Amino acid sequence: MPKRINLPDGQQAVESTKGFFGEFKAFISKGNVMDMAVGIIIGGAFTTIVKSLVSDIISPLLGLVGGMNFDQFSLKFAGVTLAYGKFLTAVINFLMMAFVLFFIVKAFNRAGSLIKKEEEVEEEAMTKVCPYCKSEIDIEASRCPMCTSQLEEKMAEQ
């Protein structure tokens, strides 16, 4: 008899070959996994663009200073070629990716904080504080539900 398994999201799967594939299908079809897959694909494409920028534009410009292409810097030692120019190009790729991602994350954080501020302003407008018991009550209340004080007179005085 097949055994039922409780999944973290409250769904159940049957433990058998069909249950395993059903559980795997439920895992794959979750939104977070799909978002992650799209992010990885876009990240790979973005990495290709940055790599091309560094190897095709920045390295040759830096090579003008050294008299040759930056990628072609190498050191021959005991029959072994150390291509330190390619390593430096990879470091530049990493730094540029980190720099661009830093600004993207910073922009998303700023946008997120602006949205939170707007939500907080809306919430503050919906409530007021009782001057007697200091509990938070509805903005339209004329009597405090906590201490049953009449609010209209006290609020008019302030």
Protein backbone atom coordinates (compact mmCIF):
# COMPACT_ATOMS: atom_id res chain seq x y z
CA MET A 1 0.00 0.00 0.00
CA PRO A 2 1.46 3.40 -0.96
CA LYS A 3 2.45 5.71 1.85
CA ARG A 4 1.38 9.39 1.90
CA ILE A 5 4.00 12.09 2.52
CA ASN A 6 3.20 15.60 3.79
CA LEU A 7 5.05 18.26 1.80
CA PRO A 8 6.21 21.55 3.39
CA ASP A 9 3.56 23.57 1.53
CA GLY A 10 0.69 21.49 2.95
CA GLN A 11 0.24 19.26 -0.12
CA GLN A 12 0.50 15.49 0.02
CA ALA A 13 2.35 13.13 -2.28
CA VAL A 14 2.18 9.36 -2.60
CA GLU A 15 5.48 7.57 -1.96
CA SER A 16 6.04 5.30 -4.91
CA THR A 17 7.56 5.79 -8.31
CA LYS A 18 4.56 7.91 -9.28
CA GLY A 19 4.72 9.65 -5.89
CA PHE A 20 8.37 10.49 -6.32
CA PHE A 21 7.75 12.01 -9.74
CA GLY A 22 4.63 13.74 -8.43
CA GLU A 23 6.63 15.22 -5.58
CA PHE A 24 9.36 16.28 -8.01
CA LYS A 25 6.73 17.85 -10.31
CA ALA A 26 5.25 19.78 -7.36
CA PHE A 27 8.74 21.02 -6.43
CA ILE A 28 9.58 22.11 -9.99
CA SER A 29 6.26 23.85 -10.57
CA LYS A 30 6.64 26.10 -7.52
CA GLY A 31 7.10 29.78 -8.37
CA ASN A 32 10.41 30.18 -6.54
CA VAL A 33 12.12 27.47 -8.56
CA MET A 34 10.92 28.99 -11.83
CA ASP A 35 12.04 32.47 -10.73
CA MET A 36 15.45 31.07 -9.81
CA ALA A 37 15.76 29.34 -13.20
CA VAL A 38 14.93 32.55 -15.06
CA GLY A 39 17.43 34.44 -12.90
CA ILE A 40 20.19 31.95 -13.67
CA ILE A 41 19.52 32.13 -17.42
CA ILE A 42 19.49 35.93 -17.41
CA GLY A 43 22.62 35.96 -15.23
CA GLY A 44 24.41 33.73 -17.73
CA ALA A 45 23.47 36.03 -20.59
CA PHE A 46 24.52 39.07 -18.57
CA THR A 47 27.87 37.42 -17.76
CA THR A 48 28.48 36.91 -21.48
CA ILE A 49 27.83 40.61 -22.11
CA VAL A 50 30.21 41.72 -19.35
CA LYS A 51 32.87 39.23 -20.48
CA SER A 52 32.63 40.61 -24.02
CA LEU A 53 32.84 44.19 -22.72
CA VAL A 54 36.01 43.42 -20.79
CA SER A 55 37.75 41.23 -23.39
CA ASP A 56 36.71 43.16 -26.51
CA ILE A 57 36.72 46.79 -25.32
CA ILE A 58 38.40 47.35 -21.94
CA SER A 59 41.34 44.94 -22.31
CA PRO A 60 42.40 46.35 -25.70
CA LEU A 61 42.15 49.90 -24.32
CA LEU A 62 44.30 48.92 -21.34
CA GLY A 63 46.61 47.16 -23.78
CA LEU A 64 47.27 50.50 -25.44
CA VAL A 65 49.14 51.51 -22.30
CA GLY A 66 51.26 48.34 -22.29
CA GLY A 67 51.70 48.22 -26.06
CA MET A 68 49.81 44.94 -26.49
CA ASN A 69 46.42 43.41 -25.74
CA PHE A 70 45.86 42.91 -22.02
CA ASP A 71 44.78 39.28 -22.59
CA GLN A 72 48.09 38.46 -24.20
CA PHE A 73 50.29 39.26 -21.17
CA SER A 74 52.11 36.09 -20.18
CA LEU A 75 55.27 34.92 -18.48
CA LYS A 76 57.31 31.93 -19.66
CA PHE A 77 59.08 30.08 -16.88
CA ALA A 78 60.85 26.73 -17.25
CA GLY A 79 58.80 25.74 -20.29
CA VAL A 80 55.50 26.70 -18.67
CA THR A 81 53.46 29.70 -19.83
CA LEU A 82 51.67 31.65 -17.12
CA ALA A 83 48.85 33.63 -18.79
CA TYR A 84 48.46 36.24 -16.06
CA GLY A 85 46.79 38.63 -18.51
CA LYS A 86 43.84 36.25 -18.85
CA PHE A 87 43.71 35.96 -15.06
CA LEU A 88 43.66 39.76 -14.72
CA THR A 89 40.89 39.89 -17.32
CA ALA A 90 38.88 37.40 -15.24
CA VAL A 91 39.44 39.57 -12.13
CA ILE A 92 38.23 42.63 -14.05
CA ASN A 93 35.17 40.63 -15.20
CA PHE A 94 34.41 39.73 -11.59
CA LEU A 95 34.84 43.28 -10.32
CA MET A 96 32.61 44.69 -13.06
CA MET A 97 29.91 42.09 -12.35
CA ALA A 98 30.09 42.84 -8.62
CA PHE A 99 29.94 46.58 -9.30
CA VAL A 100 26.89 46.30 -11.58
CA LEU A 101 25.11 43.88 -9.23
CA PHE A 102 25.81 46.22 -6.31
CA PHE A 103 24.00 49.05 -8.10
CA ILE A 104 21.12 46.78 -9.14
CA VAL A 105 20.61 45.54 -5.57
CA LYS A 106 20.94 49.09 -4.25
CA ALA A 107 18.23 50.28 -6.70
CA PHE A 108 15.90 47.42 -5.69
CA ASN A 109 16.43 48.14 -1.99
CA ARG A 110 15.70 51.83 -2.52
CA ALA A 111 12.54 51.02 -4.48
CA GLY A 112 11.47 48.55 -1.77
CA SER A 113 11.99 51.11 0.99
CA LEU A 114 9.91 53.68 -0.91
CA ILE A 115 7.05 51.20 -1.24
CA LYS A 116 7.24 50.37 2.49
CA LYS A 117 7.12 54.09 3.38
CA GLU A 118 3.98 54.55 1.27
CA GLU A 119 2.32 51.56 2.99
CA GLU A 120 3.22 52.93 6.43
CA VAL A 121 1.69 56.31 5.60
CA GLU A 122 -1.56 54.62 4.56
CA GLU A 123 -1.67 52.59 7.78
CA GLU A 124 -1.05 55.64 9.98
CA ALA A 125 -3.95 57.49 8.38
CA MET A 126 -6.34 54.67 9.31
CA THR A 127 -5.76 54.79 13.08
CA LYS A 128 -5.39 57.24 15.95
CA VAL A 129 -4.27 56.97 19.56
CA CYS A 130 -6.71 57.25 22.46
CA PRO A 131 -5.59 60.21 24.63
CA TYR A 132 -6.67 58.37 27.80
CA CYS A 133 -5.38 54.79 27.52
CA LYS A 134 -2.98 55.32 24.60
CA SER A 135 -4.34 52.32 22.67
CA GLU A 136 -4.55 52.39 18.88
CA ILE A 137 -8.11 52.75 17.60
CA ASP A 138 -9.92 53.37 14.34
CA ILE A 139 -9.69 56.95 13.04
CA GLU A 140 -13.50 57.28 12.88
CA ALA A 141 -14.17 56.01 16.42
CA SER A 142 -15.92 58.44 18.79
CA ARG A 143 -15.47 56.15 21.81
CA CYS A 144 -12.41 54.08 22.71
CA PRO A 145 -13.19 50.34 22.66
CA MET A 146 -10.49 49.70 25.28
CA CYS A 147 -11.32 52.24 28.00
CA THR A 148 -14.77 53.36 26.70
CA SER A 149 -13.80 57.05 26.97
CA GLN A 150 -15.64 59.63 24.90
CA LEU A 151 -13.10 60.86 22.33
CA GLU A 152 -14.70 63.77 20.47
CA GLU A 153 -14.22 66.38 23.21
CA LYS A 154 -10.65 65.39 24.05
CA MET A 155 -9.63 65.24 20.40
CA ALA A 156 -11.18 68.66 19.70
CA GLU A 157 -9.14 70.19 22.57
CA GLN A 158 -5.85 68.95 21.11
